[in-house]
Protein backbone atom coordinates (compact mmCIF):
# COMPACT_ATOMS: atom_id res chain seq x y z
CA UNK A 1 -0.07 0.00 -0.14
CA UNK A 2 2.69 2.23 0.79
CA UNK A 3 0.65 5.15 1.90
CA UNK A 4 1.54 7.37 4.82
CA UNK A 5 -1.11 6.77 7.34
CA UNK A 6 0.43 8.65 10.39
CA UNK A 7 2.85 11.56 10.22
CA UNK A 8 5.74 12.64 12.73
CA UNK A 9 4.98 10.04 15.21
CA UNK A 10 7.10 10.24 18.46
CA UNK A 11 10.24 8.29 18.20
CA UNK A 12 9.27 6.80 14.93
CA UNK A 13 8.54 9.43 12.19
CA UNK A 14 5.96 8.70 9.27
CA UNK A 15 4.19 5.35 9.05
CA UNK A 16 2.81 3.76 5.87
CA UNK A 17 -0.40 1.48 5.65
CA UNK A 18 0.67 -2.02 5.06
CA UNK A 19 -2.00 -4.49 5.68
CA UNK A 20 -5.59 -4.22 6.96
CA UNK A 21 -6.76 -7.28 8.85
CA UNK A 22 -10.24 -5.54 9.77
CA UNK A 23 -11.92 -2.42 8.71
CA UNK A 24 -15.23 -0.71 9.70
CA UNK A 25 -16.96 1.71 7.20
CA UNK A 26 -13.71 2.00 5.33
CA UNK A 27 -11.63 2.78 7.99
CA UNK A 28 -8.83 0.47 9.31
CA UNK A 29 -9.28 -1.04 12.50
CA UNK A 30 -6.91 -3.80 12.88
CA UNK A 31 -3.95 -3.36 10.50
CA UNK A 32 -0.09 -2.96 10.29
CA UNK A 33 1.84 -0.08 9.40
CA UNK A 34 5.64 0.22 8.46
CA UNK A 35 8.33 2.74 9.11
CA UNK A 36 11.42 3.93 6.95
CA UNK A 37 13.44 1.18 8.40
CA UNK A 38 10.78 -1.59 7.59
CA UNK A 39 9.80 -2.18 11.11
CA UNK A 40 6.29 -3.53 11.53
CA UNK A 41 3.75 -1.83 13.71
CA UNK A 42 0.55 -3.67 14.81
CA UNK A 43 -2.24 -1.08 15.25
CA UNK A 44 -5.76 -0.98 16.46
CA UNK A 45 -8.34 1.85 16.44
CA UNK A 46 -9.89 1.97 19.88
CA UNK A 47 -12.07 5.05 19.65
CA UNK A 48 -13.80 6.73 16.56
CA UNK A 49 -17.05 8.65 17.60
CA UNK A 50 -15.81 12.02 18.78
CA UNK A 51 -12.10 11.58 17.90
CA UNK A 52 -10.18 8.62 16.78
CA UNK A 53 -7.49 6.86 18.84
CA UNK A 54 -5.15 4.32 17.88
CA UNK A 55 -2.65 1.93 19.84
CA UNK A 56 0.50 0.87 18.24
CA UNK A 57 3.17 -1.82 19.06
CA UNK A 58 6.25 -2.69 17.36
CA UNK A 59 5.73 -6.28 16.20
CA UNK A 60 7.93 -9.00 14.73
CA UNK A 61 7.29 -11.18 11.81
CA UNK A 62 7.30 -14.14 14.08
CA UNK A 63 4.91 -12.44 16.62
CA UNK A 64 2.50 -11.42 13.83
CA UNK A 65 2.50 -14.74 12.33
CA UNK A 66 1.88 -16.52 15.66
CA UNK A 67 -1.33 -14.16 16.16
CA UNK A 68 -2.60 -14.74 12.51
CA UNK A 69 -2.11 -18.57 13.37
CA UNK A 70 -3.85 -17.86 16.80
CA UNK A 71 -1.11 -19.27 18.83
CA UNK A 72 -0.98 -16.06 20.71
CA UNK A 73 -3.85 -13.34 21.11
CA UNK A 74 -3.93 -9.78 20.13
CA UNK A 75 -3.23 -8.53 23.78
CA UNK A 76 -0.10 -10.75 23.78
CA UNK A 77 1.16 -9.41 20.67
CA UNK A 78 0.81 -5.92 21.69
CA UNK A 79 2.21 -6.23 24.90
CA UNK A 80 5.38 -8.09 23.93
CA UNK A 81 6.79 -4.42 22.93
CA UNK A 82 8.45 -2.38 25.70
CA UNK A 83 6.66 0.41 24.53
CA UNK A 84 3.40 1.20 22.84
CA UNK A 85 2.50 4.19 20.94
CA UNK A 86 -1.10 6.09 21.26
CA UNK A 87 -2.17 8.38 18.78
CA UNK A 88 -5.11 10.72 19.06
CA UNK A 89 -6.59 12.79 16.17
CA UNK A 90 -9.21 15.41 16.87
CA UNK A 91 -11.87 16.32 14.46
CA UNK A 92 -9.53 18.78 12.90
CA UNK A 93 -6.97 16.05 11.95
CA UNK A 94 -4.47 17.22 14.40
CA UNK A 95 -2.76 14.41 15.66
CA UNK A 96 -0.85 13.99 18.91
CA UNK A 97 1.11 10.64 19.77
CA UNK A 98 2.88 9.61 23.13
CA UNK A 99 4.79 6.69 24.26
CA UNK A 100 3.49 4.33 27.01
CA UNK A 101 5.63 1.64 28.85
CA UNK A 102 3.69 -1.59 28.20
CA UNK A 103 4.52 -2.82 31.76
CA UNK A 104 2.36 0.01 33.12
CA UNK A 105 -0.74 -1.53 31.30
CA UNK A 106 -2.93 -3.94 32.88
CA UNK A 107 -3.66 -6.59 30.45
CA UNK A 108 -6.36 -8.17 32.53
CA UNK A 109 -8.77 -5.03 32.30
CA UNK A 110 -11.57 -5.50 29.70
CA UNK A 111 -10.96 -2.12 28.36
CA UNK A 112 -7.39 -1.65 28.47
CA UNK A 113 -7.05 -0.12 24.88
CA UNK A 114 -9.56 2.47 25.65
CA UNK A 115 -7.95 3.56 28.63
CA UNK A 116 -4.36 4.21 27.42
């Protein structure tokens, strides 16, 4: 696809849309992006009503394949990275990103993606 999907992300730069696993009303919900160094990031849209919010995690091909083959779940795939990136885009398209340490996230919380 190679279309820039996110610009100027903290500690990363630009990310290009790579593969969409699931979309809703033509918006990617669960997908991958790549950076200029060809690192893969697993991305999920966790909010899309009054603003858009995404959670991103750098992901290896091995972990991505394990998730696709259902050997590990999506939560485990996200939390294998030391850091997650959240991106919030307001109604005017302004984006803000921040880094969150994955060890600060409670993976047993039913709503952990919406709370980050």
